[in-house]
Amino acid sequence: MPCPQCGFALPSDARRCPTCGRPAGDHAVPAARPDRSARPLQGLTVAVAVTLSAWCAVELFSAAVSLTRVFLINSLLDGEEPSQDALDVNDGLYALSGLMQLCALLACAVVFVVWLFRARANAEALSPLMHRHGRPWFVFGWILPIANFFIPKRFVDDIWLASRPGTPATDWRGQRHPGLVRLWWAFYLLYFYAPQLAERALGLRSDDPGVMRTIALVEVAAAPFGVAAAVLAIATVRRITAFQELRRTAPVAEARLAP
């Protein structure tokens, strides 16, 4: 009889699983909900990686435009006269890069939330562990003030722990939260919120060239944090997908395999 927690083949007289330590009397309890089945996640994982990679390219392009903007404004403040054509081209590219960032960000958000829905459904099929937030928070958790500082990370933490092979079926909240997710979330918060806080603290709301230069510098400084957050998000998604595929395809009676 296989252990539904770790898949170890138990002897008939075993009182406790020697691998995960689960009592043999608990092995009759199914670890997955009988009306759910885990589904393949690789396609959505590729989509997340592609959209986030495209966003990284857009972010780097935007940072290059902002850096050029800094040089042009420096020349203007130093008394030099940049050509009007150069100023007009930079203004156009600056507006274009902002639009491209918005479109890329929306595409990433849609694909990532869809991946979260599928990963959450799989996690519920693979493990009886209870998640801390209901599914409506998949959307509201990203847009509501204060909540968007911690709820999305909790979703990913719960999915990670429920998907990871070897996570105990009981007392799972005492498990250490994944460091990769913490690192991703830290860079995400730094990218999205540190520039806003800096602009508010400095009162950067005018069309003064010095203010415009400072805003462009903040955008250039924030770009590495955004790219790091995207790379770490891809790594997190790939790791959770690997966990779920390992358990989904394993010959363990803890989840019905999708056809």
C-alpha atoms as a PDB file:
ATOM      1  CA  MET A   1       0.000   0.000   0.000  1.00  0.00           C
ATOM      2  CA  PRO A   2       1.555   3.353  -1.031  1.00  0.00           C
ATOM      3  CA  CYS A   3       1.696   6.234   1.414  1.00  0.00           C
ATOM      4  CA  PRO A   4      -0.545   8.996  -0.004  1.00  0.00           C
ATOM      5  CA  GLN A   5       1.763  11.632   1.454  1.00  0.00           C
ATOM      6  CA  CYS A   6       5.121  10.626  -0.045  1.00  0.00           C
ATOM      7  CA  GLY A   7       4.377   7.551  -2.198  1.00  0.00           C
ATOM      8  CA  PHE A   8       6.598   5.132  -0.245  1.00  0.00           C
ATOM      9  CA  ALA A   9       5.485   1.498  -0.569  1.00  0.00           C
ATOM     10  CA  LEU A  10       4.469   0.509   2.960  1.00  0.00           C
ATOM     11  CA  PRO A  11       4.777  -3.041   4.306  1.00  0.00           C
ATOM     12  CA  SER A  12       1.480  -4.510   5.442  1.00  0.00           C
ATOM     13  CA  ASP A  13       2.579  -4.510   9.097  1.00  0.00           C
ATOM     14  CA  ALA A  14       4.022  -0.960   9.120  1.00  0.00           C
ATOM     15  CA  ARG A  15       2.720   1.299  11.880  1.00  0.00           C
ATOM     16  CA  ARG A  16       4.278   4.468  10.499  1.00  0.00           C
ATOM     17  CA  CYS A  17       5.689   5.549   7.154  1.00  0.00           C
ATOM     18  CA  PRO A  18       9.506   5.480   7.461  1.00  0.00           C
ATOM     19  CA  THR A  19       9.832   8.332   4.919  1.00  0.00           C
ATOM     20  CA  CYS A  20       7.346  11.000   6.017  1.00  0.00           C
ATOM     21  CA  GLY A  21       6.446   9.651   9.462  1.00  0.00           C
ATOM     22  CA  ARG A  22       2.700   9.599   8.827  1.00  0.00           C
ATOM     23  CA  PRO A  23       0.843   7.016  10.987  1.00  0.00           C
ATOM     24  CA  ALA A  24      -0.249   3.947   9.050  1.00  0.00           C
ATOM     25  CA  GLY A  25      -3.797   4.387  10.337  1.00  0.00           C
ATOM     26  CA  ASP A  26      -4.043   7.651   8.424  1.00  0.00           C
ATOM     27  CA  HIS A  27      -3.241   6.051   5.083  1.00  0.00           C
ATOM     28  CA  ALA A  28      -6.817   5.145   4.450  1.00  0.00           C
ATOM     29  CA  VAL A  29      -7.686   8.852   4.296  1.00  0.00           C
ATOM     30  CA  PRO A  30      -7.360  10.118   0.718  1.00  0.00           C
ATOM     31  CA  ALA A  31      -5.055  13.107   0.360  1.00  0.00           C
ATOM     32  CA  ALA A  32      -6.936  14.582  -2.565  1.00  0.00           C
ATOM     33  CA  ARG A  33     -10.540  15.584  -3.060  1.00  0.00           C
ATOM     34  CA  PRO A  34     -12.320  12.791  -4.934  1.00  0.00           C
ATOM     35  CA  ASP A  35     -14.079  15.159  -7.343  1.00  0.00           C
ATOM     36  CA  ARG A  36     -10.988  17.021  -8.529  1.00  0.00           C
ATOM     37  CA  SER A  37      -8.072  16.116 -10.781  1.00  0.00           C
ATOM     38  CA  ALA A  38      -4.724  17.792 -11.366  1.00  0.00           C
ATOM     39  CA  ARG A  39      -4.233  19.153 -14.866  1.00  0.00           C
ATOM     40  CA  PRO A  40      -1.015  19.816 -16.827  1.00  0.00           C
ATOM     41  CA  LEU A  41       0.456  23.247 -16.163  1.00  0.00           C
ATOM     42  CA  GLN A  42       3.379  23.425 -18.589  1.00  0.00           C
ATOM     43  CA  GLY A  43       1.561  25.404 -21.290  1.00  0.00           C
ATOM     44  CA  LEU A  44       0.571  28.198 -18.946  1.00  0.00           C
ATOM     45  CA  THR A  45       4.050  28.151 -17.435  1.00  0.00           C
ATOM     46  CA  VAL A  46       5.548  28.787 -20.872  1.00  0.00           C
ATOM     47  CA  ALA A  47       3.032  31.596 -21.425  1.00  0.00           C
ATOM     48  CA  VAL A  48       4.048  33.218 -18.113  1.00  0.00           C
ATOM     49  CA  ALA A  49       7.735  32.964 -19.019  1.00  0.00           C
ATOM     50  CA  VAL A  50       7.173  34.427 -22.500  1.00  0.00           C
ATOM     51  CA  THR A  51       5.063  37.386 -21.339  1.00  0.00           C
ATOM     52  CA  LEU A  52       7.406  38.210 -18.459  1.00  0.00           C
ATOM     53  CA  SER A  53      10.427  37.967 -20.762  1.00  0.00           C
ATOM     54  CA  ALA A  54       8.719  40.331 -23.212  1.00  0.00           C
ATOM     55  CA  TRP A  55       7.993  42.703 -20.334  1.00  0.00           C
ATOM     56  CA  CYS A  56      11.690  42.620 -19.365  1.00  0.00           C
ATOM     57  CA  ALA A  57      12.639  43.647 -22.902  1.00  0.00           C
ATOM     58  CA  VAL A  58      10.132  46.510 -22.793  1.00  0.00           C
ATOM     59  CA  GLU A  59      11.401  47.584 -19.361  1.00  0.00           C
ATOM     60  CA  LEU A  60      15.008  47.665 -20.541  1.00  0.00           C
ATOM     61  CA  PHE A  61      13.990  49.673 -23.607  1.00  0.00           C
ATOM     62  CA  SER A  62      12.110  52.110 -21.359  1.00  0.00           C
ATOM     63  CA  ALA A  63      15.131  52.427 -19.067  1.00  0.00           C
ATOM     64  CA  ALA A  64      17.353  53.231 -22.069  1.00  0.00           C
ATOM     65  CA  VAL A  65      14.891  55.926 -23.181  1.00  0.00           C
ATOM     66  CA  SER A  66      14.805  57.390 -19.661  1.00  0.00           C
ATOM     67  CA  LEU A  67      18.609  57.390 -19.464  1.00  0.00           C
ATOM     68  CA  THR A  68      18.814  59.233 -22.781  1.00  0.00           C
ATOM     69  CA  ARG A  69      16.305  61.680 -21.347  1.00  0.00           C
ATOM     70  CA  VAL A  70      18.617  62.287 -18.390  1.00  0.00           C
ATOM     71  CA  PHE A  71      21.551  63.068 -20.701  1.00  0.00           C
ATOM     72  CA  LEU A  72      19.465  65.473 -22.799  1.00  0.00           C
ATOM     73  CA  ILE A  73      18.176  67.316 -19.721  1.00  0.00           C
ATOM     74  CA  ASN A  74      21.716  67.484 -18.292  1.00  0.00           C
ATOM     75  CA  SER A  75      22.878  69.124 -21.509  1.00  0.00           C
ATOM     76  CA  LEU A  76      19.993  71.577 -21.312  1.00  0.00           C
ATOM     77  CA  LEU A  77      20.721  72.473 -17.690  1.00  0.00           C
ATOM     78  CA  ASP A  78      24.436  72.908 -18.467  1.00  0.00           C
ATOM     79  CA  GLY A  79      23.619  75.616 -20.982  1.00  0.00           C
ATOM     80  CA  GLU A  80      24.072  73.491 -24.074  1.00  0.00           C
ATOM     81  CA  GLU A  81      21.449  73.407 -26.794  1.00  0.00           C
ATOM     82  CA  PRO A  82      20.356  69.875 -27.746  1.00  0.00           C
ATOM     83  CA  SER A  83      18.745  69.738 -31.152  1.00  0.00           C
ATOM     84  CA  GLN A  84      14.979  70.085 -31.174  1.00  0.00           C
ATOM     85  CA  ASP A  85      14.764  66.908 -33.231  1.00  0.00           C
ATOM     86  CA  ALA A  86      16.564  64.949 -30.493  1.00  0.00           C
ATOM     87  CA  LEU A  87      14.223  66.360 -27.845  1.00  0.00           C
ATOM     88  CA  ASP A  88      11.131  65.567 -29.921  1.00  0.00           C
ATOM     89  CA  VAL A  89      12.323  62.028 -30.671  1.00  0.00           C
ATOM     90  CA  ASN A  90      13.002  61.375 -26.994  1.00  0.00           C
ATOM     91  CA  ASP A  91       9.593  62.762 -25.996  1.00  0.00           C
ATOM     92  CA  GLY A  92       7.941  60.455 -28.515  1.00  0.00           C
ATOM     93  CA  LEU A  93       9.924  57.415 -27.416  1.00  0.00           C
ATOM     94  CA  TYR A  94       9.231  58.234 -23.763  1.00  0.00           C
ATOM     95  CA  ALA A  95       5.479  58.252 -24.392  1.00  0.00           C
ATOM     96  CA  LEU A  96       5.709  55.114 -26.522  1.00  0.00           C
ATOM     97  CA  SER A  97       7.716  53.231 -23.896  1.00  0.00           C
ATOM     98  CA  GLY A  98       5.135  54.113 -21.251  1.00  0.00           C
ATOM     99  CA  LEU A  99       2.339  52.705 -23.432  1.00  0.00           C
ATOM    100  CA  MET A 100       4.367  49.576 -24.179  1.00  0.00           C
ATOM    101  CA  GLN A 101       5.010  49.062 -20.466  1.00  0.00           C
ATOM    102  CA  LEU A 102       1.300  49.310 -19.712  1.00  0.00           C
ATOM    103  CA  CYS A 103       0.331  46.819 -22.444  1.00  0.00           C
ATOM    104  CA  ALA A 104       3.059  44.359 -21.456  1.00  0.00           C
ATOM    105  CA  LEU A 105       2.116  44.652 -17.793  1.00  0.00           C
ATOM    106  CA  LEU A 106      -1.564  43.947 -18.528  1.00  0.00           C
ATOM    107  CA  ALA A 107      -0.625  40.892 -20.597  1.00  0.00           C
ATOM    108  CA  CYS A 108       1.609  39.594 -17.792  1.00  0.00           C
ATOM    109  CA  ALA A 109      -1.098  40.204 -15.194  1.00  0.00           C
ATOM    110  CA  VAL A 110      -3.757  38.292 -17.138  1.00  0.00           C
ATOM    111  CA  VAL A 111      -1.530  35.308 -17.893  1.00  0.00           C
ATOM    112  CA  PHE A 112      -0.119  35.167 -14.356  1.00  0.00           C
ATOM    113  CA  VAL A 113      -3.586  35.252 -12.735  1.00  0.00           C
ATOM    114  CA  VAL A 114      -4.796  32.495 -15.075  1.00  0.00           C
ATOM    115  CA  TRP A 115      -1.738  30.448 -14.101  1.00  0.00           C
ATOM    116  CA  LEU A 116      -2.519  31.092 -10.413  1.00  0.00           C
ATOM    117  CA  PHE A 117      -6.087  29.821 -10.860  1.00  0.00           C
ATOM    118  CA  ARG A 118      -4.866  26.593 -12.494  1.00  0.00           C
ATOM    119  CA  ALA A 119      -2.038  26.107 -10.001  1.00  0.00           C
ATOM    120  CA  ARG A 120      -4.443  26.657  -7.083  1.00  0.00           C
ATOM    121  CA  ALA A 121      -6.915  24.128  -8.506  1.00  0.00           C
ATOM    122  CA  ASN A 122      -4.105  21.606  -8.900  1.00  0.00           C
ATOM    123  CA  ALA A 123      -2.835  22.277  -5.389  1.00  0.00           C
ATOM    124  CA  GLU A 124      -6.316  21.617  -3.997  1.00  0.00           C
ATOM    125  CA  ALA A 125      -6.488  18.366  -5.962  1.00  0.00           C
ATOM    126  CA  LEU A 126      -3.061  17.208  -4.841  1.00  0.00           C
ATOM    127  CA  SER A 127      -3.271  18.097  -1.173  1.00  0.00           C
ATOM    128  CA  PRO A 128      -5.955  18.533   1.514  1.00  0.00           C
ATOM    129  CA  LEU A 129      -4.171  21.568   2.939  1.00  0.00           C
ATOM    130  CA  MET A 130      -6.465  24.551   3.431  1.00  0.00           C
ATOM    131  CA  HIS A 131      -5.550  27.811   1.700  1.00  0.00           C
ATOM    132  CA  ARG A 132      -5.807  31.114   3.543  1.00  0.00           C
ATOM    133  CA  HIS A 133      -7.833  33.110   1.003  1.00  0.00           C
ATOM    134  CA  GLY A 134     -10.771  32.402  -1.288  1.00  0.00           C
ATOM    135  CA  ARG A 135     -10.529  32.693  -5.065  1.00  0.00           C
ATOM    136  CA  PRO A 136     -12.114  36.172  -5.385  1.00  0.00           C
ATOM    137  CA  TRP A 137      -8.930  37.472  -3.765  1.00  0.00           C
ATOM    138  CA  PHE A 138      -7.012  36.363  -6.848  1.00  0.00           C
ATOM    139  CA  VAL A 139      -8.209  39.642  -8.373  1.00  0.00           C
ATOM    140  CA  PHE A 140      -9.049  41.834  -5.385  1.00  0.00           C
ATOM    141  CA  GLY A 141      -5.792  40.946  -3.640  1.00  0.00           C
ATOM    142  CA  TRP A 142      -3.814  42.702  -6.377  1.00  0.00           C
ATOM    143  CA  ILE A 143      -5.842  45.917  -6.574  1.00  0.00           C
ATOM    144  CA  LEU A 144      -7.100  46.710  -3.058  1.00  0.00           C
ATOM    145  CA  PRO A 145      -4.814  49.035  -1.051  1.00  0.00           C
ATOM    146  CA  ILE A 146      -2.943  47.432   1.860  1.00  0.00           C
ATOM    147  CA  ALA A 147      -4.173  43.960   0.820  1.00  0.00           C
ATOM    148  CA  ASN A 148      -1.977  44.095  -2.282  1.00  0.00           C
ATOM    149  CA  PHE A 149       1.108  44.233  -0.055  1.00  0.00           C
ATOM    150  CA  PHE A 150       0.693  40.675   1.255  1.00  0.00           C
ATOM    151  CA  ILE A 151      -2.268  38.691  -0.140  1.00  0.00           C
ATOM    152  CA  PRO A 152      -0.737  37.784  -3.555  1.00  0.00           C
ATOM    153  CA  LYS A 153       2.367  36.469  -1.820  1.00  0.00           C
ATOM    154  CA  ARG A 154       0.188  34.383   0.512  1.00  0.00           C
ATOM    155  CA  PHE A 155      -1.510  32.800  -2.495  1.00  0.00           C
ATOM    156  CA  VAL A 156       1.827  31.765  -3.954  1.00  0.00           C
ATOM    157  CA  ASP A 157       3.144  30.585  -0.566  1.00  0.00           C
ATOM    158  CA  ASP A 158       0.093  28.359  -0.044  1.00  0.00           C
ATOM    159  CA  ILE A 159       0.253  26.926  -3.553  1.00  0.00           C
ATOM    160  CA  TRP A 160       3.978  26.228  -3.158  1.00  0.00           C
ATOM    161  CA  LEU A 161       3.536  24.415   0.163  1.00  0.00           C
ATOM    162  CA  ALA A 162       0.514  22.427  -0.992  1.00  0.00           C
ATOM    163  CA  SER A 163       2.311  21.407  -4.211  1.00  0.00           C
ATOM    164  CA  ARG A 164       5.700  20.557  -2.747  1.00  0.00           C
ATOM    165  CA  PRO A 165       6.287  16.831  -2.286  1.00  0.00           C
ATOM    166  CA  GLY A 166       6.779  15.895   1.344  1.00  0.00           C
ATOM    167  CA  THR A 167       4.825  18.768   2.910  1.00  0.00           C
ATOM    168  CA  PRO A 168       2.989  17.248   5.909  1.00  0.00           C
ATOM    169  CA  ALA A 169      -0.779  17.014   5.558  1.00  0.00           C
ATOM    170  CA  THR A 170      -1.163  18.378   9.082  1.00  0.00           C
ATOM    171  CA  ASP A 171       0.401  21.330  10.863  1.00  0.00           C
ATOM    172  CA  TRP A 172       1.594  22.709   7.518  1.00  0.00           C
ATOM    173  CA  ARG A 173       1.394  26.341   8.641  1.00  0.00           C
ATOM    174  CA  GLY A 174       4.508  25.699  10.700  1.00  0.00           C
ATOM    175  CA  GLN A 175       6.413  25.017   7.475  1.00  0.00           C
ATOM    176  CA  ARG A 176       9.048  27.560   6.456  1.00  0.00           C
ATOM    177  CA  HIS A 177       7.815  29.775   3.640  1.00  0.00           C
ATOM    178  CA  PRO A 178       9.883  29.491   0.455  1.00  0.00           C
ATOM    179  CA  GLY A 179      12.802  31.892   0.209  1.00  0.00           C
ATOM    180  CA  LEU A 180      12.430  32.191  -3.564  1.00  0.00           C
ATOM    181  CA  VAL A 181       8.906  33.564  -3.155  1.00  0.00           C
ATOM    182  CA  ARG A 182      10.070  36.018  -0.486  1.00  0.00           C
ATOM    183  CA  LEU A 183      12.832  37.286  -2.735  1.00  0.00           C
ATOM    184  CA  TRP A 184      10.483  37.665  -5.706  1.00  0.00           C
ATOM    185  CA  TRP A 185       7.959  39.582  -3.630  1.00  0.00           C
ATOM    186  CA  ALA A 186      10.604  41.884  -2.148  1.00  0.00           C
ATOM    187  CA  PHE A 187      11.854  42.910  -5.606  1.00  0.00           C
ATOM    188  CA  TYR A 188       8.272  43.275  -6.847  1.00  0.00           C
ATOM    189  CA  LEU A 189       7.410  45.682  -4.030  1.00  0.00           C
ATOM    190  CA  LEU A 190      10.621  47.637  -4.511  1.00  0.00           C
ATOM    191  CA  TYR A 191       9.949  48.050  -8.236  1.00  0.00           C
ATOM    192  CA  PHE A 192       6.323  49.113  -8.015  1.00  0.00           C
ATOM    193  CA  TYR A 193       6.197  51.117  -4.818  1.00  0.00           C
ATOM    194  CA  ALA A 194       9.652  52.565  -4.091  1.00  0.00           C
ATOM    195  CA  PRO A 195       9.511  54.983  -7.090  1.00  0.00           C
ATOM    196  CA  GLN A 196       6.015  56.135  -6.083  1.00  0.00           C
ATOM    197  CA  LEU A 197       7.142  56.795  -2.532  1.00  0.00           C
ATOM    198  CA  ALA A 198      10.227  58.642  -3.762  1.00  0.00           C
ATOM    199  CA  GLU A 199       8.207  60.859  -6.103  1.00  0.00           C
ATOM    200  CA  ARG A 200       5.701  61.687  -3.382  1.00  0.00           C
ATOM    201  CA  ALA A 201       8.411  62.411  -0.835  1.00  0.00           C
ATOM    202  CA  LEU A 202      10.219  64.739  -3.249  1.00  0.00           C
ATOM    203  CA  GLY A 203       7.029  66.313  -4.572  1.00  0.00           C
ATOM    204  CA  LEU A 204       7.917  65.555  -8.176  1.00  0.00           C
ATOM    205  CA  ARG A 205       4.796  66.877  -9.879  1.00  0.00           C
ATOM    206  CA  SER A 206       5.941  69.770 -12.075  1.00  0.00           C
ATOM    207  CA  ASP A 207       7.318  70.232 -15.581  1.00  0.00           C
ATOM    208  CA  ASP A 208      10.591  71.677 -14.327  1.00  0.00           C
ATOM    209  CA  PRO A 209      13.558  70.116 -16.188  1.00  0.00           C
ATOM    210  CA  GLY A 210      15.298  69.254 -12.924  1.00  0.00           C
ATOM    211  CA  VAL A 211      12.220  67.435 -11.694  1.00  0.00           C
ATOM    212  CA  MET A 212      11.837  65.606 -15.006  1.00  0.00           C
ATOM    213  CA  ARG A 213      15.476  64.517 -14.766  1.00  0.00           C
ATOM    214  CA  THR A 214      14.951  63.184 -11.229  1.00  0.00           C
ATOM    215  CA  ILE A 215      11.872  61.218 -12.309  1.00  0.00           C
ATOM    216  CA  ALA A 216      13.822  59.711 -15.217  1.00  0.00           C
ATOM    217  CA  LEU A 217      16.666  58.767 -12.856  1.00  0.00           C
ATOM    218  CA  VAL A 218      14.208  57.063 -10.514  1.00  0.00           C
ATOM    219  CA  GLU A 219      12.809  55.090 -13.468  1.00  0.00           C
ATOM    220  CA  VAL A 220      16.298  54.007 -14.531  1.00  0.00           C
ATOM    221  CA  ALA A 221      17.178  52.964 -10.961  1.00  0.00           C
ATOM    222  CA  ALA A 222      13.950  50.961 -10.612  1.00  0.00           C
ATOM    223  CA  ALA A 223      14.437  48.976 -13.830  1.00  0.00           C
ATOM    224  CA  PRO A 224      16.892  46.381 -12.384  1.00  0.00           C
ATOM    225  CA  PHE A 225      14.460  45.633  -9.561  1.00  0.00           C
ATOM    226  CA  GLY A 226      11.662  45.061 -12.072  1.00  0.00           C
ATOM    227  CA  VAL A 227      13.769  42.748 -14.220  1.00  0.00           C
ATOM    228  CA  ALA A 228      14.927  40.838 -11.119  1.00  0.00           C
ATOM    229  CA  ALA A 229      11.303  40.470  -9.973  1.00  0.00           C
ATOM    230  CA  ALA A 230      10.291  39.095 -13.385  1.00  0.00           C
ATOM    231  CA  VAL A 231      13.169  36.593 -13.452  1.00  0.00           C
ATOM    232  CA  LEU A 232      12.358  35.416  -9.920  1.00  0.00           C
ATOM    233  CA  ALA A 233       8.668  35.134 -10.809  1.00  0.00           C
ATOM    234  CA  ILE A 234       9.559  32.877 -13.747  1.00  0.00           C
ATOM    235  CA  ALA A 235      11.739  30.748 -11.453  1.00  0.00           C
ATOM    236  CA  THR A 236       8.910  30.501  -8.903  1.00  0.00           C
ATOM    237  CA  VAL A 237       6.358  29.489 -11.517  1.00  0.00           C
ATOM    238  CA  ARG A 238       8.696  26.872 -12.961  1.00  0.00           C
ATOM    239  CA  ARG A 239       9.444  25.426  -9.525  1.00  0.00           C
ATOM    240  CA  ILE A 240       5.773  25.096  -8.558  1.00  0.00           C
ATOM    241  CA  THR A 241       5.003  23.559 -11.943  1.00  0.00           C
ATOM    242  CA  ALA A 242       7.809  21.033 -11.427  1.00  0.00           C
ATOM    243  CA  PHE A 243       6.403  20.159  -7.991  1.00  0.00           C
ATOM    244  CA  GLN A 244       2.931  19.598  -9.377  1.00  0.00           C
ATOM    245  CA  GLU A 245       4.096  17.602 -12.386  1.00  0.00           C
ATOM    246  CA  LEU A 246       6.166  15.360 -10.119  1.00  0.00           C
ATOM    247  CA  ARG A 247       3.161  14.612  -7.946  1.00  0.00           C
ATOM    248  CA  ARG A 248       0.632  14.561 -10.789  1.00  0.00           C
ATOM    249  CA  THR A 249       2.523  11.947 -12.774  1.00  0.00           C
ATOM    250  CA  ALA A 250       3.788   9.932  -9.784  1.00  0.00           C
ATOM    251  CA  PRO A 251       2.125   6.535  -9.219  1.00  0.00           C
ATOM    252  CA  VAL A 252       0.630   7.687  -5.923  1.00  0.00           C
ATOM    253  CA  ALA A 253      -3.010   7.361  -4.936  1.00  0.00           C
ATOM    254  CA  GLU A 254      -3.284  10.975  -3.851  1.00  0.00           C
ATOM    255  CA  ALA A 255      -4.692  12.548  -6.996  1.00  0.00           C
ATOM    256  CA  ARG A 256      -6.603  11.299 -10.015  1.00  0.00           C
ATOM    257  CA  LEU A 257      -4.551  11.943 -13.119  1.00  0.00           C
ATOM    258  CA  ALA A 258      -6.094  14.145 -15.778  1.00  0.00           C
ATOM    259  CA  PRO A 259      -6.618  12.328 -19.095  1.00  0.00           C
END
